[in-house]
């Protein structure tokens, strides 16, 4: 069972269901924000690595041409 499934008792209280759904929605939103933050950070790091590799390649070409 994942974090967003709800075990409901036989007789359910509508307010309980609403509160649970609200809580799950908040948790999901927070997790998505954390995911987006981590994703953006990794994309920035990847871009830096690409630029470093590009610079390294250029430096190698310059030293070969000299």
PDB file of N, CA and C in Angstrom:
ATOM      1  N   UNK A   1       0.851  -1.184   0.000  1.00  0.00           N
ATOM      2  CA  UNK A   1       0.000   0.000   0.000  1.00  0.00           C
ATOM      3  C   UNK A   1       0.893   1.242   0.000  1.00  0.00           C
ATOM      4  N   UNK A   2       0.619   2.173  -0.902  1.00  0.00           N
ATOM      5  CA  UNK A   2       1.461   3.373  -0.946  1.00  0.00           C
ATOM      6  C   UNK A   2       0.955   4.428   0.035  1.00  0.00           C
ATOM      7  N   UNK A   3       1.673   5.536   0.136  1.00  0.00           N
ATOM      8  CA  UNK A   3       1.361   6.585   1.115  1.00  0.00           C
ATOM      9  C   UNK A   3       0.023   7.255   0.896  1.00  0.00           C
ATOM     10  N   UNK A   4      -0.526   7.128  -0.298  1.00  0.00           N
ATOM     11  CA  UNK A   4      -1.723   7.899  -0.616  1.00  0.00           C
ATOM     12  C   UNK A   4      -2.993   7.064  -0.614  1.00  0.00           C
ATOM     13  N   UNK A   5      -2.881   5.792  -0.291  1.00  0.00           N
ATOM     14  CA  UNK A   5      -4.080   4.982  -0.165  1.00  0.00           C
ATOM     15  C   UNK A   5      -4.624   5.136   1.244  1.00  0.00           C
ATOM     16  N   UNK A   6      -5.936   5.057   1.359  1.00  0.00           N
ATOM     17  CA  UNK A   6      -6.593   5.284   2.642  1.00  0.00           C
ATOM     18  C   UNK A   6      -7.364   4.028   3.033  1.00  0.00           C
ATOM     19  N   UNK A   7      -7.117   3.545   4.250  1.00  0.00           N
ATOM     20  CA  UNK A   7      -7.928   2.458   4.789  1.00  0.00           C
ATOM     21  C   UNK A   7      -9.152   3.074   5.449  1.00  0.00           C
ATOM     22  N   UNK A   8     -10.308   2.787   4.914  1.00  0.00           N
ATOM     23  CA  UNK A   8     -11.534   3.359   5.456  1.00  0.00           C
ATOM     24  C   UNK A   8     -12.256   2.333   6.322  1.00  0.00           C
ATOM     25  N   UNK A   9     -12.762   2.783   7.464  1.00  0.00           N
ATOM     26  CA  UNK A   9     -13.581   1.875   8.274  1.00  0.00           C
ATOM     27  C   UNK A   9     -14.908   1.607   7.561  1.00  0.00           C
ATOM     28  N   UNK A  10     -15.643   0.605   8.042  1.00  0.00           N
ATOM     29  CA  UNK A  10     -16.920   0.244   7.411  1.00  0.00           C
ATOM     30  C   UNK A  10     -17.876   1.436   7.390  1.00  0.00           C
ATOM     31  N   UNK A  11     -17.987   2.124   8.505  1.00  0.00           N
ATOM     32  CA  UNK A  11     -18.825   3.332   8.567  1.00  0.00           C
ATOM     33  C   UNK A  11     -17.885   4.530   8.542  1.00  0.00           C
ATOM     34  N   UNK A  12     -17.954   5.295   7.491  1.00  0.00           N
ATOM     35  CA  UNK A  12     -17.001   6.395   7.347  1.00  0.00           C
ATOM     36  C   UNK A  12     -17.634   7.731   7.691  1.00  0.00           C
ATOM     37  N   UNK A  13     -16.796   8.590   8.193  1.00  0.00           N
ATOM     38  CA  UNK A  13     -17.183   9.945   8.535  1.00  0.00           C
ATOM     39  C   UNK A  13     -16.677  10.845   7.408  1.00  0.00           C
ATOM     40  N   UNK A  14     -17.578  11.568   6.776  1.00  0.00           N
ATOM     41  CA  UNK A  14     -17.218  12.418   5.633  1.00  0.00           C
ATOM     42  C   UNK A  14     -16.145  13.438   6.016  1.00  0.00           C
ATOM     43  N   UNK A  15     -16.260  14.011   7.188  1.00  0.00           N
ATOM     44  CA  UNK A  15     -15.274  15.014   7.629  1.00  0.00           C
ATOM     45  C   UNK A  15     -13.890  14.375   7.771  1.00  0.00           C
ATOM     46  N   UNK A  16     -13.863  13.156   8.288  1.00  0.00           N
ATOM     47  CA  UNK A  16     -12.599  12.422   8.412  1.00  0.00           C
ATOM     48  C   UNK A  16     -11.974  12.213   7.031  1.00  0.00           C
ATOM     49  N   UNK A  17     -12.794  11.829   6.071  1.00  0.00           N
ATOM     50  CA  UNK A  17     -12.299  11.606   4.709  1.00  0.00           C
ATOM     51  C   UNK A  17     -11.757  12.902   4.128  1.00  0.00           C
ATOM     52  N   UNK A  18     -12.481  13.987   4.308  1.00  0.00           N
ATOM     53  CA  UNK A  18     -12.019  15.287   3.794  1.00  0.00           C
ATOM     54  C   UNK A  18     -10.689  15.687   4.424  1.00  0.00           C
ATOM     55  N   UNK A  19     -10.604  15.535   5.754  1.00  0.00           N
ATOM     56  CA  UNK A  19      -9.358  15.887   6.448  1.00  0.00           C
ATOM     57  C   UNK A  19      -8.189  15.030   5.962  1.00  0.00           C
ATOM     58  N   UNK A  20      -8.461  13.748   5.786  1.00  0.00           N
ATOM     59  CA  UNK A  20      -7.416  12.838   5.317  1.00  0.00           C
ATOM     60  C   UNK A  20      -6.966  13.212   3.913  1.00  0.00           C
ATOM     61  N   UNK A  21      -7.921  13.502   3.047  1.00  0.00           N
ATOM     62  CA  UNK A  21      -7.576  13.898   1.678  1.00  0.00           C
ATOM     63  C   UNK A  21      -6.791  15.207   1.662  1.00  0.00           C
ATOM     64  N   UNK A  22      -7.205  16.163   2.495  1.00  0.00           N
ATOM     65  CA  UNK A  22      -6.486  17.436   2.593  1.00  0.00           C
ATOM     66  C   UNK A  22      -5.048  17.201   3.050  1.00  0.00           C
ATOM     67  N   UNK A  23      -4.910  16.360   4.059  1.00  0.00           N
ATOM     68  CA  UNK A  23      -3.584  16.054   4.591  1.00  0.00           C
ATOM     69  C   UNK A  23      -2.720  15.378   3.525  1.00  0.00           C
ATOM     70  N   UNK A  24      -3.301  14.415   2.820  1.00  0.00           N
ATOM     71  CA  UNK A  24      -2.552  13.734   1.756  1.00  0.00           C
ATOM     72  C   UNK A  24      -2.165  14.705   0.651  1.00  0.00           C
ATOM     73  N   UNK A  25      -3.065  15.627   0.332  1.00  0.00           N
ATOM     74  CA  UNK A  25      -2.781  16.616  -0.713  1.00  0.00           C
ATOM     75  C   UNK A  25      -1.608  17.503  -0.298  1.00  0.00           C
ATOM     76  N   UNK A  26      -1.596  17.941   0.973  1.00  0.00           N
ATOM     77  CA  UNK A  26      -0.498  18.769   1.471  1.00  0.00           C
ATOM     78  C   UNK A  26       0.819  18.006   1.415  1.00  0.00           C
ATOM     79  N   UNK A  27       0.774  16.743   1.864  1.00  0.00           N
ATOM     80  CA  UNK A  27       1.994  15.921   1.850  1.00  0.00           C
ATOM     81  C   UNK A  27       2.500  15.727   0.430  1.00  0.00           C
ATOM     82  N   UNK A  28       1.581  15.454  -0.480  1.00  0.00           N
ATOM     83  CA  UNK A  28       1.953  15.244  -1.879  1.00  0.00           C
ATOM     84  C   UNK A  28       2.568  16.515  -2.460  1.00  0.00           C
ATOM     85  N   UNK A  29       1.947  17.654  -2.166  1.00  0.00           N
ATOM     86  CA  UNK A  29       2.453  18.931  -2.679  1.00  0.00           C
ATOM     87  C   UNK A  29       3.868  19.197  -2.152  1.00  0.00           C
ATOM     88  N   UNK A  30       4.076  18.923  -0.860  1.00  0.00           N
ATOM     89  CA  UNK A  30       5.391  19.129  -0.254  1.00  0.00           C
ATOM     90  C   UNK A  30       6.426  18.207  -0.900  1.00  0.00           C
ATOM     91  N   UNK A  31       6.058  16.937  -1.095  1.00  0.00           N
ATOM     92  CA  UNK A  31       6.979  15.993  -1.718  1.00  0.00           C
ATOM     93  C   UNK A  31       7.308  16.404  -3.152  1.00  0.00           C
ATOM     94  N   UNK A  32       6.323  16.910  -3.871  1.00  0.00           N
ATOM     95  CA  UNK A  32       6.564  17.355  -5.246  1.00  0.00           C
ATOM     96  C   UNK A  32       7.492  18.569  -5.266  1.00  0.00           C
ATOM     97  N   UNK A  33       7.336  19.475  -4.303  1.00  0.00           N
ATOM     98  CA  UNK A  33       8.225  20.634  -4.225  1.00  0.00           C
ATOM     99  C   UNK A  33       9.656  20.183  -3.932  1.00  0.00           C
ATOM    100  N   UNK A  34       9.794  19.205  -3.011  1.00  0.00           N
ATOM    101  CA  UNK A  34      11.124  18.682  -2.696  1.00  0.00           C
ATOM    102  C   UNK A  34      11.733  17.999  -3.920  1.00  0.00           C
ATOM    103  N   UNK A  35      10.904  17.261  -4.641  1.00  0.00           N
ATOM    104  CA  UNK A  35      11.366  16.597  -5.865  1.00  0.00           C
ATOM    105  C   UNK A  35      11.828  17.631  -6.887  1.00  0.00           C
ATOM    106  N   UNK A  36      11.023  18.679  -7.086  1.00  0.00           N
ATOM    107  CA  UNK A  36      11.383  19.725  -8.052  1.00  0.00           C
ATOM    108  C   UNK A  36      12.685  20.413  -7.662  1.00  0.00           C
ATOM    109  N   UNK A  37      12.842  20.678  -6.366  1.00  0.00           N
ATOM    110  CA  UNK A  37      14.064  21.323  -5.882  1.00  0.00           C
ATOM    111  C   UNK A  37      15.276  20.433  -6.163  1.00  0.00           C
ATOM    112  N   UNK A  38      15.159  19.152  -5.833  1.00  0.00           N
ATOM    113  CA  UNK A  38      16.267  18.217  -6.066  1.00  0.00           C
ATOM    114  C   UNK A  38      16.552  18.089  -7.562  1.00  0.00           C
ATOM    115  N   UNK A  39      15.500  18.009  -8.365  1.00  0.00           N
ATOM    116  CA  UNK A  39      15.662  17.890  -9.821  1.00  0.00           C
ATOM    117  C   UNK A  39      16.383  19.110 -10.385  1.00  0.00           C
ATOM    118  N   UNK A  40      15.946  20.294  -9.971  1.00  0.00           N
ATOM    119  CA  UNK A  40      16.573  21.528 -10.465  1.00  0.00           C
ATOM    120  C   UNK A  40      18.037  21.616 -10.043  1.00  0.00           C
ATOM    121  N   UNK A  41      18.315  21.199  -8.816  1.00  0.00           N
ATOM    122  CA  UNK A  41      19.696  21.219  -8.334  1.00  0.00           C
ATOM    123  C   UNK A  41      20.561  20.260  -9.159  1.00  0.00           C
ATOM    124  N   UNK A  42      20.033  19.074  -9.438  1.00  0.00           N
ATOM    125  CA  UNK A  42      20.785  18.110 -10.247  1.00  0.00           C
ATOM    126  C   UNK A  42      20.980  18.611 -11.673  1.00  0.00           C
ATOM    127  N   UNK A  43      19.973  19.260 -12.230  1.00  0.00           N
ATOM    128  CA  UNK A  43      20.110  19.813 -13.582  1.00  0.00           C
ATOM    129  C   UNK A  43      21.179  20.900 -13.623  1.00  0.00           C
ATOM    130  N   UNK A  44      21.229  21.740 -12.587  1.00  0.00           N
ATOM    131  CA  UNK A  44      22.270  22.775 -12.516  1.00  0.00           C
ATOM    132  C   UNK A  44      23.660  22.139 -12.434  1.00  0.00           C
ATOM    133  N   UNK A  45      23.780  21.102 -11.592  1.00  0.00           N
ATOM    134  CA  UNK A  45      25.075  20.426 -11.460  1.00  0.00           C
ATOM    135  C   UNK A  45      25.484  19.773 -12.778  1.00  0.00           C
ATOM    136  N   UNK A  46      24.531  19.177 -13.465  1.00  0.00           N
ATOM    137  CA  UNK A  46      24.817  18.561 -14.763  1.00  0.00           C
ATOM    138  C   UNK A  46      25.303  19.612 -15.754  1.00  0.00           C
ATOM    139  N   UNK A  47      24.664  20.769 -15.748  1.00  0.00           N
ATOM    140  CA  UNK A  47      25.066  21.854 -16.652  1.00  0.00           C
ATOM    141  C   UNK A  47      26.493  22.308 -16.343  1.00  0.00           C
ATOM    142  N   UNK A  48      26.827  22.404 -15.061  1.00  0.00           N
ATOM    143  CA  UNK A  48      28.191  22.784 -14.667  1.00  0.00           C
ATOM    144  C   UNK A  48      29.188  21.737 -15.157  1.00  0.00           C
ATOM    145  N   UNK A  49      28.843  20.465 -14.977  1.00  0.00           N
ATOM    146  CA  UNK A  49      29.743  19.402 -15.444  1.00  0.00           C
ATOM    147  C   UNK A  49      29.925  19.443 -16.953  1.00  0.00           C
ATOM    148  N   UNK A  50      28.852  19.724 -17.672  1.00  0.00           N
ATOM    149  CA  UNK A  50      28.951  19.829 -19.133  1.00  0.00           C
ATOM    150  C   UNK A  50      29.877  20.971 -19.528  1.00  0.00           C
ATOM    151  N   UNK A  51      29.743  22.102 -18.842  1.00  0.00           N
ATOM    152  CA  UNK A  51      30.590  23.255 -19.161  1.00  0.00           C
ATOM    153  C   UNK A  51      32.053  22.967 -18.827  1.00  0.00           C
ATOM    154  N   UNK A  52      32.281  22.273 -17.709  1.00  0.00           N
ATOM    155  CA  UNK A  52      33.657  21.909 -17.351  1.00  0.00           C
ATOM    156  C   UNK A  52      34.253  20.982 -18.398  1.00  0.00           C
ATOM    157  N   UNK A  53      33.462  20.016 -18.847  1.00  0.00           N
ATOM    158  CA  UNK A  53      33.947  19.084 -19.873  1.00  0.00           C
ATOM    159  C   UNK A  53      34.228  19.824 -21.174  1.00  0.00           C
ATOM    160  N   UNK A  54      33.344  20.745 -21.531  1.00  0.00           N
ATOM    161  CA  UNK A  54      33.546  21.540 -22.746  1.00  0.00           C
ATOM    162  C   UNK A  54      34.839  22.352 -22.639  1.00  0.00           C
ATOM    163  N   UNK A  55      35.058  22.954 -21.492  1.00  0.00           N
ATOM    164  CA  UNK A  55      36.275  23.737 -21.271  1.00  0.00           C
ATOM    165  C   UNK A  55      37.513  22.837 -21.337  1.00  0.00           C
ATOM    166  N   UNK A  56      37.419  21.664 -20.750  1.00  0.00           N
ATOM    167  CA  UNK A  56      38.530  20.712 -20.784  1.00  0.00           C
ATOM    168  C   UNK A  56      38.845  20.311 -22.229  1.00  0.00           C
ATOM    169  N   UNK A  57      37.799  20.060 -23.010  1.00  0.00           N
ATOM    170  CA  UNK A  57      37.996  19.692 -24.417  1.00  0.00           C
ATOM    171  C   UNK A  57      38.657  20.836 -25.192  1.00  0.00           C
ATOM    172  N   UNK A  58      38.187  22.056 -24.939  1.00  0.00           N
ATOM    173  CA  UNK A  58      38.780  23.220 -25.623  1.00  0.00           C
ATOM    174  C   UNK A  58      40.241  23.382 -25.243  1.00  0.00           C
ATOM    175  N   UNK A  59      40.538  23.198 -23.960  1.00  0.00           N
ATOM    176  CA  UNK A  59      41.908  23.322 -23.473  1.00  0.00           C
ATOM    177  C   UNK A  59      42.799  22.277 -24.134  1.00  0.00           C
ATOM    178  N   UNK A  60      42.272  21.069 -24.276  1.00  0.00           N
ATOM    179  CA  UNK A  60      43.042  20.016 -24.948  1.00  0.00           C
ATOM    180  C   UNK A  60      43.307  20.391 -26.398  1.00  0.00           C
ATOM    181  N   UNK A  61      42.319  20.929 -27.085  1.00  0.00           N
ATOM    182  CA  UNK A  61      42.494  21.330 -28.486  1.00  0.00           C
ATOM    183  C   UNK A  61      43.531  22.431 -28.619  1.00  0.00           C
ATOM    184  N   UNK A  62      43.487  23.381 -27.718  1.00  0.00           N
ATOM    185  CA  UNK A  62      44.455  24.487 -27.759  1.00  0.00           C
ATOM    186  C   UNK A  62      45.866  23.947 -27.546  1.00  0.00           C
ATOM    187  N   UNK A  63      46.039  23.054 -26.578  1.00  0.00           N
ATOM    188  CA  UNK A  63      47.379  22.522 -26.308  1.00  0.00           C
ATOM    189  C   UNK A  63      47.876  21.645 -27.458  1.00  0.00           C
ATOM    190  N   UNK A  64      46.972  20.958 -28.131  1.00  0.00           N
ATOM    191  CA  UNK A  64      47.363  20.144 -29.290  1.00  0.00           C
ATOM    192  C   UNK A  64      47.807  21.051 -30.437  1.00  0.00           C
ATOM    193  N   UNK A  65      47.106  22.158 -30.638  1.00  0.00           N
ATOM    194  CA  UNK A  65      47.407  23.078 -31.737  1.00  0.00           C
ATOM    195  C   UNK A  65      48.678  23.885 -31.502  1.00  0.00           C
ATOM    196  N   UNK A  66      49.126  23.980 -30.295  1.00  0.00           N
ATOM    197  CA  UNK A  66      50.327  24.792 -30.010  1.00  0.00           C
ATOM    198  C   UNK A  66      51.596  24.092 -30.344  1.00  0.00           C
TER     199      UNK A  66
END
